[in-house]
PDB file of N, CA and C in Angstrom:
ATOM      1  N   MET A   1      -3.917 -23.244  58.765  1.00  0.00           N
ATOM      2  CA  MET A   1      -3.606 -22.412  59.901  1.00  0.00           C
ATOM      3  C   MET A   1      -3.817 -20.952  59.505  1.00  0.00           C
ATOM      4  N   GLU A   2      -4.657 -20.266  60.207  1.00  0.00           N
ATOM      5  CA  GLU A   2      -4.935 -18.878  59.917  1.00  0.00           C
ATOM      6  C   GLU A   2      -3.935 -17.981  60.619  1.00  0.00           C
ATOM      7  N   ARG A   3      -3.449 -16.964  59.889  1.00  0.00           N
ATOM      8  CA  ARG A   3      -2.488 -16.037  60.468  1.00  0.00           C
ATOM      9  C   ARG A   3      -3.135 -14.661  60.555  1.00  0.00           C
ATOM     10  N   PRO A   4      -3.280 -14.133  61.748  1.00  0.00           N
ATOM     11  CA  PRO A   4      -3.940 -12.843  61.920  1.00  0.00           C
ATOM     12  C   PRO A   4      -3.232 -11.730  61.145  1.00  0.00           C
ATOM     13  N   GLY A   5      -4.029 -10.855  60.525  1.00  0.00           N
ATOM     14  CA  GLY A   5      -3.491  -9.704  59.828  1.00  0.00           C
ATOM     15  C   GLY A   5      -3.074  -9.956  58.393  1.00  0.00           C
ATOM     16  N   LEU A   6      -3.045 -11.221  57.948  1.00  0.00           N
ATOM     17  CA  LEU A   6      -2.672 -11.530  56.580  1.00  0.00           C
ATOM     18  C   LEU A   6      -3.925 -11.790  55.751  1.00  0.00           C
ATOM     19  N   PRO A   7      -3.934 -11.338  54.507  1.00  0.00           N
ATOM     20  CA  PRO A   7      -5.118 -11.565  53.672  1.00  0.00           C
ATOM     21  C   PRO A   7      -5.317 -13.054  53.403  1.00  0.00           C
ATOM     22  N   THR A   8      -6.567 -13.442  53.286  1.00  0.00           N
ATOM     23  CA  THR A   8      -6.916 -14.824  52.986  1.00  0.00           C
ATOM     24  C   THR A   8      -7.097 -14.954  51.486  1.00  0.00           C
ATOM     25  N   LYS A   9      -6.406 -15.892  50.871  1.00  0.00           N
ATOM     26  CA  LYS A   9      -6.567 -16.147  49.445  1.00  0.00           C
ATOM     27  C   LYS A   9      -7.576 -17.263  49.257  1.00  0.00           C
ATOM     28  N   ILE A  10      -8.391 -17.092  48.251  1.00  0.00           N
ATOM     29  CA  ILE A  10      -9.371 -18.125  47.928  1.00  0.00           C
ATOM     30  C   ILE A  10      -8.968 -18.722  46.583  1.00  0.00           C
ATOM     31  N   TYR A  11      -8.756 -20.010  46.550  1.00  0.00           N
ATOM     32  CA  TYR A  11      -8.385 -20.710  45.339  1.00  0.00           C
ATOM     33  C   TYR A  11      -9.549 -21.588  44.913  1.00  0.00           C
ATOM     34  N   PHE A  12      -9.712 -21.738  43.604  1.00  0.00           N
ATOM     35  CA  PHE A  12     -10.732 -22.642  43.114  1.00  0.00           C
ATOM     36  C   PHE A  12     -10.183 -23.421  41.935  1.00  0.00           C
ATOM     37  N   MET A  13     -10.808 -24.522  41.633  1.00  0.00           N
ATOM     38  CA  MET A  13     -10.375 -25.363  40.532  1.00  0.00           C
ATOM     39  C   MET A  13     -11.461 -25.352  39.467  1.00  0.00           C
ATOM     40  N   LEU A  14     -11.039 -25.227  38.218  1.00  0.00           N
ATOM     41  CA  LEU A  14     -11.991 -25.336  37.119  1.00  0.00           C
ATOM     42  C   LEU A  14     -12.390 -26.799  36.965  1.00  0.00           C
ATOM     43  N   HIS A  15     -13.608 -27.009  36.577  1.00  0.00           N
ATOM     44  CA  HIS A  15     -14.076 -28.344  36.213  1.00  0.00           C
ATOM     45  C   HIS A  15     -14.357 -28.287  34.716  1.00  0.00           C
ATOM     46  N   ILE A  16     -13.549 -29.016  33.953  1.00  0.00           N
ATOM     47  CA  ILE A  16     -13.574 -28.934  32.497  1.00  0.00           C
ATOM     48  C   ILE A  16     -14.291 -30.154  31.930  1.00  0.00           C
ATOM     49  N   PRO A  17     -15.258 -29.920  31.015  1.00  0.00           N
ATOM     50  CA  PRO A  17     -15.999 -31.046  30.429  1.00  0.00           C
ATOM     51  C   PRO A  17     -15.286 -31.611  29.204  1.00  0.00           C
ATOM     52  N   CYS A  18     -14.581 -32.713  29.357  1.00  0.00           N
ATOM     53  CA  CYS A  18     -13.968 -33.382  28.212  1.00  0.00           C
ATOM     54  C   CYS A  18     -15.106 -34.013  27.396  1.00  0.00           C
ATOM     55  N   PRO A  19     -15.169 -33.758  26.088  1.00  0.00           N
ATOM     56  CA  PRO A  19     -16.248 -34.343  25.279  1.00  0.00           C
ATOM     57  C   PRO A  19     -16.200 -35.868  25.225  1.00  0.00           C
ATOM     58  N   HIS A  20     -15.063 -36.454  25.603  1.00  0.00           N
ATOM     59  CA  HIS A  20     -14.896 -37.904  25.519  1.00  0.00           C
ATOM     60  C   HIS A  20     -15.011 -38.588  26.881  1.00  0.00           C
ATOM     61  N   CYS A  21     -14.608 -37.893  27.978  1.00  0.00           N
ATOM     62  CA  CYS A  21     -14.535 -38.512  29.306  1.00  0.00           C
ATOM     63  C   CYS A  21     -15.499 -37.907  30.319  1.00  0.00           C
ATOM     64  N   GLY A  22     -16.087 -36.773  30.001  1.00  0.00           N
ATOM     65  CA  GLY A  22     -16.987 -36.112  30.951  1.00  0.00           C
ATOM     66  C   GLY A  22     -16.251 -35.070  31.787  1.00  0.00           C
ATOM     67  N   LEU A  23     -16.894 -34.615  32.832  1.00  0.00           N
ATOM     68  CA  LEU A  23     -16.382 -33.541  33.682  1.00  0.00           C
ATOM     69  C   LEU A  23     -15.189 -34.013  34.515  1.00  0.00           C
ATOM     70  N   ARG A  24     -14.075 -33.258  34.452  1.00  0.00           N
ATOM     71  CA  ARG A  24     -12.857 -33.600  35.185  1.00  0.00           C
ATOM     72  C   ARG A  24     -12.233 -32.336  35.768  1.00  0.00           C
ATOM     73  N   ASN A  25     -11.341 -32.504  36.742  1.00  0.00           N
ATOM     74  CA  ASN A  25     -10.619 -31.374  37.341  1.00  0.00           C
ATOM     75  C   ASN A  25      -9.600 -30.809  36.356  1.00  0.00           C
ATOM     76  N   GLU A  26      -9.347 -29.508  36.459  1.00  0.00           N
ATOM     77  CA  GLU A  26      -8.425 -28.838  35.536  1.00  0.00           C
ATOM     78  C   GLU A  26      -7.007 -29.404  35.578  1.00  0.00           C
ATOM     79  N   THR A  27      -6.627 -30.064  36.663  1.00  0.00           N
ATOM     80  CA  THR A  27      -5.271 -30.610  36.767  1.00  0.00           C
ATOM     81  C   THR A  27      -5.006 -31.724  35.749  1.00  0.00           C
ATOM     82  N   GLU A  28      -6.061 -32.246  35.120  1.00  0.00           N
ATOM     83  CA  GLU A  28      -5.918 -33.300  34.119  1.00  0.00           C
ATOM     84  C   GLU A  28      -5.698 -32.750  32.712  1.00  0.00           C
ATOM     85  N   PHE A  29      -5.701 -31.424  32.560  1.00  0.00           N
ATOM     86  CA  PHE A  29      -5.670 -30.802  31.242  1.00  0.00           C
ATOM     87  C   PHE A  29      -4.494 -29.852  31.081  1.00  0.00           C
ATOM     88  N   HIS A  30      -4.128 -29.606  29.824  1.00  0.00           N
ATOM     89  CA  HIS A  30      -3.179 -28.550  29.474  1.00  0.00           C
ATOM     90  C   HIS A  30      -3.856 -27.643  28.456  1.00  0.00           C
ATOM     91  N   TYR A  31      -3.658 -26.352  28.645  1.00  0.00           N
ATOM     92  CA  TYR A  31      -4.166 -25.353  27.709  1.00  0.00           C
ATOM     93  C   TYR A  31      -3.347 -25.405  26.438  1.00  0.00           C
ATOM     94  N   GLY A  32      -4.001 -25.334  25.289  1.00  0.00           N
ATOM     95  CA  GLY A  32      -3.288 -25.376  24.020  1.00  0.00           C
ATOM     96  C   GLY A  32      -3.086 -24.008  23.414  1.00  0.00           C
ATOM     97  N   ALA A  33      -4.148 -23.307  23.151  1.00  0.00           N
ATOM     98  CA  ALA A  33      -4.077 -21.987  22.524  1.00  0.00           C
ATOM     99  C   ALA A  33      -5.496 -21.536  22.218  1.00  0.00           C
ATOM    100  N   GLU A  34      -5.594 -20.357  21.627  1.00  0.00           N
ATOM    101  CA  GLU A  34      -6.885 -19.865  21.162  1.00  0.00           C
ATOM    102  C   GLU A  34      -7.357 -20.773  20.023  1.00  0.00           C
ATOM    103  N   ALA A  35      -8.611 -21.190  20.057  1.00  0.00           N
ATOM    104  CA  ALA A  35      -9.162 -22.067  19.024  1.00  0.00           C
ATOM    105  C   ALA A  35      -9.582 -21.249  17.808  1.00  0.00           C
ATOM    106  N   GLY A  36      -9.643 -21.898  16.675  1.00  0.00           N
ATOM    107  CA  GLY A  36     -10.146 -21.264  15.475  1.00  0.00           C
ATOM    108  C   GLY A  36      -9.147 -20.385  14.748  1.00  0.00           C
ATOM    109  N   VAL A  37      -7.870 -20.474  15.113  1.00  0.00           N
ATOM    110  CA  VAL A  37      -6.849 -19.685  14.440  1.00  0.00           C
ATOM    111  C   VAL A  37      -6.262 -20.549  13.317  1.00  0.00           C
ATOM    112  N   ALA A  38      -6.393 -20.102  12.083  1.00  0.00           N
ATOM    113  CA  ALA A  38      -5.905 -20.870  10.933  1.00  0.00           C
ATOM    114  C   ALA A  38      -4.379 -20.941  10.955  1.00  0.00           C
ATOM    115  N   TYR A  39      -3.837 -22.104  10.618  1.00  0.00           N
ATOM    116  CA  TYR A  39      -2.384 -22.300  10.582  1.00  0.00           C
ATOM    117  C   TYR A  39      -1.871 -21.889   9.207  1.00  0.00           C
ATOM    118  N   PRO A  40      -1.030 -20.864   9.149  1.00  0.00           N
ATOM    119  CA  PRO A  40      -0.529 -20.417   7.847  1.00  0.00           C
ATOM    120  C   PRO A  40       0.672 -21.237   7.381  1.00  0.00           C
ATOM    121  N   ASP A  41       1.034 -21.090   6.120  1.00  0.00           N
ATOM    122  CA  ASP A  41       2.242 -21.710   5.591  1.00  0.00           C
ATOM    123  C   ASP A  41       3.425 -20.861   6.050  1.00  0.00           C
ATOM    124  N   PRO A  42       4.270 -21.371   6.941  1.00  0.00           N
ATOM    125  CA  PRO A  42       5.379 -20.558   7.456  1.00  0.00           C
ATOM    126  C   PRO A  42       6.350 -20.108   6.365  1.00  0.00           C
ATOM    127  N   ASN A  43       6.443 -20.843   5.279  1.00  0.00           N
ATOM    128  CA  ASN A  43       7.351 -20.472   4.193  1.00  0.00           C
ATOM    129  C   ASN A  43       6.832 -19.289   3.381  1.00  0.00           C
ATOM    130  N   ALA A  44       5.532 -19.006   3.488  1.00  0.00           N
ATOM    131  CA  ALA A  44       4.941 -17.912   2.727  1.00  0.00           C
ATOM    132  C   ALA A  44       4.916 -16.607   3.526  1.00  0.00           C
ATOM    133  N   LEU A  45       5.394 -16.639   4.782  1.00  0.00           N
ATOM    134  CA  LEU A  45       5.345 -15.459   5.637  1.00  0.00           C
ATOM    135  C   LEU A  45       6.727 -14.871   5.868  1.00  0.00           C
ATOM    136  N   THR A  46       6.755 -13.578   6.126  1.00  0.00           N
ATOM    137  CA  THR A  46       8.011 -12.947   6.545  1.00  0.00           C
ATOM    138  C   THR A  46       8.254 -13.323   8.004  1.00  0.00           C
ATOM    139  N   ASP A  47       9.432 -13.071   8.499  1.00  0.00           N
ATOM    140  CA  ASP A  47       9.725 -13.345   9.905  1.00  0.00           C
ATOM    141  C   ASP A  47       8.778 -12.567  10.822  1.00  0.00           C
ATOM    142  N   SER A  48       8.493 -11.336  10.459  1.00  0.00           N
ATOM    143  CA  SER A  48       7.600 -10.499  11.257  1.00  0.00           C
ATOM    144  C   SER A  48       6.181 -11.064  11.274  1.00  0.00           C
ATOM    145  N   GLU A  49       5.684 -11.511  10.121  1.00  0.00           N
ATOM    146  CA  GLU A  49       4.337 -12.105  10.043  1.00  0.00           C
ATOM    147  C   GLU A  49       4.271 -13.413  10.834  1.00  0.00           C
ATOM    148  N   TRP A  50       5.332 -14.224  10.753  1.00  0.00           N
ATOM    149  CA  TRP A  50       5.378 -15.493  11.490  1.00  0.00           C
ATOM    150  C   TRP A  50       5.387 -15.229  13.003  1.00  0.00           C
ATOM    151  N   ALA A  51       6.183 -14.251  13.440  1.00  0.00           N
ATOM    152  CA  ALA A  51       6.230 -13.890  14.861  1.00  0.00           C
ATOM    153  C   ALA A  51       4.866 -13.410  15.331  1.00  0.00           C
ATOM    154  N   LYS A  52       4.190 -12.620  14.510  1.00  0.00           N
ATOM    155  CA  LYS A  52       2.842 -12.134  14.866  1.00  0.00           C
ATOM    156  C   LYS A  52       1.876 -13.316  15.010  1.00  0.00           C
ATOM    157  N   TYR A  53       1.931 -14.276  14.067  1.00  0.00           N
ATOM    158  CA  TYR A  53       1.075 -15.456  14.161  1.00  0.00           C
ATOM    159  C   TYR A  53       1.334 -16.231  15.458  1.00  0.00           C
ATOM    160  N   LEU A  54       2.603 -16.408  15.806  1.00  0.00           N
ATOM    161  CA  LEU A  54       2.954 -17.197  16.987  1.00  0.00           C
ATOM    162  C   LEU A  54       2.590 -16.530  18.308  1.00  0.00           C
ATOM    163  N   HIS A  55       2.695 -15.209  18.371  1.00  0.00           N
ATOM    164  CA  HIS A  55       2.629 -14.545  19.664  1.00  0.00           C
ATOM    165  C   HIS A  55       1.470 -13.580  19.883  1.00  0.00           C
ATOM    166  N   ILE A  56       0.785 -13.145  18.850  1.00  0.00           N
ATOM    167  CA  ILE A  56      -0.266 -12.151  19.017  1.00  0.00           C
ATOM    168  C   ILE A  56      -1.633 -12.816  18.893  1.00  0.00           C
ATOM    169  N   ARG A  57      -2.433 -12.663  19.928  1.00  0.00           N
ATOM    170  CA  ARG A  57      -3.786 -13.209  19.940  1.00  0.00           C
ATOM    171  C   ARG A  57      -4.759 -12.127  20.375  1.00  0.00           C
ATOM    172  N   ALA A  58      -6.050 -12.383  20.179  1.00  0.00           N
ATOM    173  CA  ALA A  58      -7.092 -11.392  20.464  1.00  0.00           C
ATOM    174  C   ALA A  58      -7.143 -11.015  21.949  1.00  0.00           C
ATOM    175  N   ASN A  59      -7.047 -12.011  22.840  1.00  0.00           N
ATOM    176  CA  ASN A  59      -7.077 -11.784  24.287  1.00  0.00           C
ATOM    177  C   ASN A  59      -8.254 -10.913  24.737  1.00  0.00           C
ATOM    178  N   PRO A  60      -9.480 -11.288  24.361  1.00  0.00           N
ATOM    179  CA  PRO A  60     -10.631 -10.458  24.719  1.00  0.00           C
ATOM    180  C   PRO A  60     -11.025 -10.625  26.181  1.00  0.00           C
ATOM    181  N   LYS A  61     -11.732  -9.656  26.684  1.00  0.00           N
ATOM    182  CA  LYS A  61     -12.382  -9.793  27.993  1.00  0.00           C
ATOM    183  C   LYS A  61     -13.728 -10.427  27.707  1.00  0.00           C
ATOM    184  N   GLY A  62     -13.961 -11.582  28.275  1.00  0.00           N
ATOM    185  CA  GLY A  62     -15.231 -12.278  28.039  1.00  0.00           C
ATOM    186  C   GLY A  62     -14.984 -13.652  27.447  1.00  0.00           C
ATOM    187  N   TRP A  63     -15.891 -14.101  26.605  1.00  0.00           N
ATOM    188  CA  TRP A  63     -15.849 -15.463  26.068  1.00  0.00           C
ATOM    189  C   TRP A  63     -14.789 -15.613  24.993  1.00  0.00           C
ATOM    190  N   LEU A  64     -14.004 -16.701  25.103  1.00  0.00           N
ATOM    191  CA  LEU A  64     -12.950 -17.003  24.147  1.00  0.00           C
ATOM    192  C   LEU A  64     -12.967 -18.505  23.869  1.00  0.00           C
ATOM    193  N   ALA A  65     -12.886 -18.877  22.590  1.00  0.00           N
ATOM    194  CA  ALA A  65     -12.784 -20.292  22.222  1.00  0.00           C
ATOM    195  C   ALA A  65     -11.330 -20.719  22.414  1.00  0.00           C
ATOM    196  N   GLU A  66     -11.118 -21.816  23.152  1.00  0.00           N
ATOM    197  CA  GLU A  66      -9.769 -22.279  23.485  1.00  0.00           C
ATOM    198  C   GLU A  66      -9.603 -23.747  23.133  1.00  0.00           C
ATOM    199  N   ARG A  67      -8.354 -24.156  22.892  1.00  0.00           N
ATOM    200  CA  ARG A  67      -8.015 -25.563  22.667  1.00  0.00           C
ATOM    201  C   ARG A  67      -7.398 -26.121  23.938  1.00  0.00           C
ATOM    202  N   TRP A  68      -7.786 -27.318  24.301  1.00  0.00           N
ATOM    203  CA  TRP A  68      -7.263 -28.005  25.482  1.00  0.00           C
ATOM    204  C   TRP A  68      -6.963 -29.451  25.113  1.00  0.00           C
ATOM    205  N   VAL A  69      -6.045 -30.064  25.859  1.00  0.00           N
ATOM    206  CA  VAL A  69      -5.769 -31.491  25.696  1.00  0.00           C
ATOM    207  C   VAL A  69      -5.961 -32.161  27.054  1.00  0.00           C
ATOM    208  N   HIS A  70      -6.623 -33.307  27.049  1.00  0.00           N
ATOM    209  CA  HIS A  70      -6.861 -34.082  28.269  1.00  0.00           C
ATOM    210  C   HIS A  70      -5.692 -35.057  28.444  1.00  0.00           C
ATOM    211  N   PHE A  71      -4.546 -34.506  28.878  1.00  0.00           N
ATOM    212  CA  PHE A  71      -3.314 -35.300  28.930  1.00  0.00           C
ATOM    213  C   PHE A  71      -3.368 -36.421  29.956  1.00  0.00           C
ATOM    214  N   ALA A  72      -4.096 -36.255  31.057  1.00  0.00           N
ATOM    215  CA  ALA A  72      -4.141 -37.278  32.103  1.00  0.00           C
ATOM    216  C   ALA A  72      -5.357 -38.184  31.962  1.00  0.00           C
ATOM    217  N   GLY A  73      -6.011 -38.088  30.825  1.00  0.00           N
ATOM    218  CA  GLY A  73      -7.188 -38.925  30.570  1.00  0.00           C
ATOM    219  C   GLY A  73      -7.056 -39.583  29.212  1.00  0.00           C
ATOM    220  N   CYS A  74      -7.947 -39.202  28.301  1.00  0.00           N
ATOM    221  CA  CYS A  74      -7.991 -39.829  26.978  1.00  0.00           C
ATOM    222  C   CYS A  74      -6.885 -39.356  26.046  1.00  0.00           C
ATOM    223  N   GLY A  75      -6.213 -38.236  26.374  1.00  0.00           N
ATOM    224  CA  GLY A  75      -5.135 -37.725  25.541  1.00  0.00           C
ATOM    225  C   GLY A  75      -5.609 -36.992  24.296  1.00  0.00           C
ATOM    226  N   ARG A  76      -6.890 -36.733  24.194  1.00  0.00           N
ATOM    227  CA  ARG A  76      -7.433 -36.088  22.998  1.00  0.00           C
ATOM    228  C   ARG A  76      -7.522 -34.574  23.148  1.00  0.00           C
ATOM    229  N   TRP A  77      -7.402 -33.898  22.004  1.00  0.00           N
ATOM    230  CA  TRP A  77      -7.579 -32.454  21.937  1.00  0.00           C
ATOM    231  C   TRP A  77      -9.048 -32.139  21.730  1.00  0.00           C
ATOM    232  N   PHE A  78      -9.488 -31.016  22.263  1.00  0.00           N
ATOM    233  CA  PHE A  78     -10.845 -30.526  22.040  1.00  0.00           C
ATOM    234  C   PHE A  78     -10.836 -29.022  22.246  1.00  0.00           C
ATOM    235  N   SER A  79     -11.929 -28.397  21.900  1.00  0.00           N
ATOM    236  CA  SER A  79     -12.075 -26.955  22.081  1.00  0.00           C
ATOM    237  C   SER A  79     -13.230 -26.694  23.021  1.00  0.00           C
ATOM    238  N   LEU A  80     -13.201 -25.538  23.668  1.00  0.00           N
ATOM    239  CA  LEU A  80     -14.316 -25.134  24.516  1.00  0.00           C
ATOM    240  C   LEU A  80     -14.346 -23.620  24.615  1.00  0.00           C
ATOM    241  N   TRP A  81     -15.463 -23.107  25.059  1.00  0.00           N
ATOM    242  CA  TRP A  81     -15.600 -21.680  25.333  1.00  0.00           C
ATOM    243  C   TRP A  81     -15.317 -21.465  26.813  1.00  0.00           C
ATOM    244  N   ARG A  82     -14.493 -20.441  27.133  1.00  0.00           N
ATOM    245  CA  ARG A  82     -14.220 -20.082  28.525  1.00  0.00           C
ATOM    246  C   ARG A  82     -14.278 -18.565  28.647  1.00  0.00           C
ATOM    247  N   ASN A  83     -14.928 -18.111  29.712  1.00  0.00           N
ATOM    248  CA  ASN A  83     -14.992 -16.684  29.975  1.00  0.00           C
ATOM    249  C   ASN A  83     -13.693 -16.278  30.654  1.00  0.00           C
ATOM    250  N   THR A  84     -12.935 -15.364  30.040  1.00  0.00           N
ATOM    251  CA  THR A  84     -11.624 -14.986  30.557  1.00  0.00           C
ATOM    252  C   THR A  84     -11.701 -14.099  31.794  1.00  0.00           C
ATOM    253  N   ILE A  85     -12.887 -13.613  32.123  1.00  0.00           N
ATOM    254  CA  ILE A  85     -13.057 -12.801  33.328  1.00  0.00           C
ATOM    255  C   ILE A  85     -13.518 -13.663  34.500  1.00  0.00           C
ATOM    256  N   THR A  86     -14.554 -14.461  34.278  1.00  0.00           N
ATOM    257  CA  THR A  86     -15.149 -15.254  35.366  1.00  0.00           C
ATOM    258  C   THR A  86     -14.650 -16.690  35.410  1.00  0.00           C
ATOM    259  N   HIS A  87     -13.991 -17.147  34.349  1.00  0.00           N
ATOM    260  CA  HIS A  87     -13.528 -18.536  34.175  1.00  0.00           C
ATOM    261  C   HIS A  87     -14.684 -19.526  34.052  1.00  0.00           C
ATOM    262  N   GLU A  88     -15.879 -19.022  33.779  1.00  0.00           N
ATOM    263  CA  GLU A  88     -17.025 -19.894  33.514  1.00  0.00           C
ATOM    264  C   GLU A  88     -16.726 -20.686  32.240  1.00  0.00           C
ATOM    265  N   ILE A  89     -17.079 -21.961  32.241  1.00  0.00           N
ATOM    266  CA  ILE A  89     -16.838 -22.835  31.097  1.00  0.00           C
ATOM    267  C   ILE A  89     -18.127 -22.981  30.314  1.00  0.00           C
ATOM    268  N   GLY A  90     -18.023 -22.809  29.002  1.00  0.00           N
ATOM    269  CA  GLY A  90     -19.165 -22.975  28.110  1.00  0.00           C
ATOM    270  C   GLY A  90     -19.091 -24.314  27.392  1.00  0.00           C
ATOM    271  N   PRO A  91     -19.719 -24.411  26.226  1.00  0.00           N
ATOM    272  CA  PRO A  91     -19.758 -25.683  25.498  1.00  0.00           C
ATOM    273  C   PRO A  91     -18.370 -26.164  25.071  1.00  0.00           C
ATOM    274  N   ALA A  92     -18.165 -27.481  25.174  1.00  0.00           N
ATOM    275  CA  ALA A  92     -16.952 -28.131  24.665  1.00  0.00           C
ATOM    276  C   ALA A  92     -17.322 -28.877  23.397  1.00  0.00           C
ATOM    277  N   TYR A  93     -16.367 -28.962  22.470  1.00  0.00           N
ATOM    278  CA  TYR A  93     -16.648 -29.613  21.196  1.00  0.00           C
ATOM    279  C   TYR A  93     -15.364 -30.147  20.592  1.00  0.00           C
ATOM    280  N   PRO A  94     -15.453 -31.209  19.776  1.00  0.00           N
ATOM    281  CA  PRO A  94     -14.259 -31.777  19.144  1.00  0.00           C
ATOM    282  C   PRO A  94     -13.642 -30.789  18.163  1.00  0.00           C
ATOM    283  N   PRO A  95     -12.330 -30.857  17.968  1.00  0.00           N
ATOM    284  CA  PRO A  95     -11.691 -29.955  17.000  1.00  0.00           C
ATOM    285  C   PRO A  95     -12.160 -30.261  15.579  1.00  0.00           C
ATOM    286  N   PHE A  96     -12.045 -29.273  14.711  1.00  0.00           N
ATOM    287  CA  PHE A  96     -12.385 -29.403  13.293  1.00  0.00           C
ATOM    288  C   PHE A  96     -13.859 -29.713  13.074  1.00  0.00           C
ATOM    289  N   THR A  97     -14.689 -29.301  14.015  1.00  0.00           N
ATOM    290  CA  THR A  97     -16.137 -29.408  13.856  1.00  0.00           C
ATOM    291  C   THR A  97     -16.702 -27.990  13.904  1.00  0.00           C
ATOM    292  N   THR A  98     -17.990 -27.865  13.673  1.00  0.00           N
ATOM    293  CA  THR A  98     -18.615 -26.550  13.706  1.00  0.00           C
ATOM    294  C   THR A  98     -18.562 -26.008  15.122  1.00  0.00           C
ATOM    295  N   GLN A  99     -18.026 -24.811  15.244  1.00  0.00           N
ATOM    296  CA  GLN A  99     -17.877 -24.171  16.550  1.00  0.00           C
ATOM    297  C   GLN A  99     -19.234 -23.651  17.013  1.00  0.00           C
ATOM    298  N   PRO A 100     -19.696 -24.075  18.209  1.00  0.00           N
ATOM    299  CA  PRO A 100     -20.956 -23.516  18.708  1.00  0.00           C
ATOM    300  C   PRO A 100     -20.776 -22.043  19.053  1.00  0.00           C
ATOM    301  N   LYS A 101     -21.877 -21.314  19.096  1.00  0.00           N
ATOM    302  CA  LYS A 101     -21.802 -19.901  19.460  1.00  0.00           C
ATOM    303  C   LYS A 101     -21.392 -19.759  20.917  1.00  0.00           C
ATOM    304  N   ALA A 102     -20.716 -18.652  21.194  1.00  0.00           N
ATOM    305  CA  ALA A 102     -20.300 -18.365  22.569  1.00  0.00           C
ATOM    306  C   ALA A 102     -21.518 -18.085  23.427  1.00  0.00           C
ATOM    307  N   PRO A 103     -21.493 -18.528  24.666  1.00  0.00           N
ATOM    308  CA  PRO A 103     -22.562 -18.167  25.588  1.00  0.00           C
ATOM    309  C   PRO A 103     -22.479 -16.681  25.907  1.00  0.00           C
ATOM    310  N   GLY A 104     -23.543 -16.108  26.398  1.00  0.00           N
ATOM    311  CA  GLY A 104     -23.483 -14.725  26.880  1.00  0.00           C
ATOM    312  C   GLY A 104     -23.318 -13.693  25.797  1.00  0.00           C
ATOM    313  N   ASN A 105     -22.350 -12.802  25.980  1.00  0.00           N
ATOM    314  CA  ASN A 105     -22.177 -11.640  25.106  1.00  0.00           C
ATOM    315  C   ASN A 105     -21.463 -12.010  23.815  1.00  0.00           C
ATOM    316  N   ILE A 106     -22.221 -12.229  22.781  1.00  0.00           N
ATOM    317  CA  ILE A 106     -21.648 -12.506  21.466  1.00  0.00           C
ATOM    318  C   ILE A 106     -21.139 -11.190  20.890  1.00  0.00           C
ATOM    319  N   GLY A 107     -19.964 -11.240  20.295  1.00  0.00           N
ATOM    320  CA  GLY A 107     -19.433 -10.068  19.614  1.00  0.00           C
ATOM    321  C   GLY A 107     -18.872  -9.001  20.527  1.00  0.00           C
ATOM    322  N   GLN A 108     -18.409  -9.383  21.731  1.00  0.00           N
ATOM    323  CA  GLN A 108     -17.799  -8.378  22.617  1.00  0.00           C
ATOM    324  C   GLN A 108     -16.461  -7.935  22.067  1.00  0.00           C
ATOM    325  N   GLU A 109     -15.897  -6.921  22.659  1.00  0.00           N
ATOM    326  CA  GLU A 109     -14.635  -6.359  22.186  1.00  0.00           C
ATOM    327  C   GLU A 109     -13.567  -7.434  22.067  1.00  0.00           C
ATOM    328  N   GLY A 110     -12.917  -7.476  20.911  1.00  0.00           N
ATOM    329  CA  GLY A 110     -11.824  -8.415  20.697  1.00  0.00           C
ATOM    330  C   GLY A 110     -12.259  -9.815  20.302  1.00  0.00           C
ATOM    331  N   SER A 111     -13.550 -10.081  20.252  1.00  0.00           N
ATOM    332  CA  SER A 111     -14.038 -11.425  19.958  1.00  0.00           C
ATOM    333  C   SER A 111     -13.923 -11.744  18.477  1.00  0.00           C
ATOM    334  N   ARG A 112     -13.669 -13.014  18.183  1.00  0.00           N
ATOM    335  CA  ARG A 112     -13.658 -13.468  16.792  1.00  0.00           C
ATOM    336  C   ARG A 112     -14.945 -14.201  16.463  1.00  0.00           C
ATOM    337  N   ALA A 113     -15.822 -14.335  17.435  1.00  0.00           N
ATOM    338  CA  ALA A 113     -17.055 -15.089  17.239  1.00  0.00           C
ATOM    339  C   ALA A 113     -18.063 -14.314  16.426  1.00  0.00           C
TER     340      ALA A 113
END
């Protein structure tokens, strides 16, 4: 139902390519975190260093490698490239494998690629 004078919102759904199940709607997935971040030994860090590891990420504008889990499908974790501005999805790949290069602008501000 359209209401005169009120702005119209446009919603869209991401279509995420699970490396095991194929292309699925985003409602089947949960975001995990930024991919490629090494897990440190928490006993070797100060409280401040541990807090920084848990809460501070690059958060670049542009392509970012992310971890996702297909909770409503195969239940497996995987990584993929996603553009944080346009939400365009790039290559998906299994965790602990060689990370493919980011599509588009390699080495943009804040990128770890």
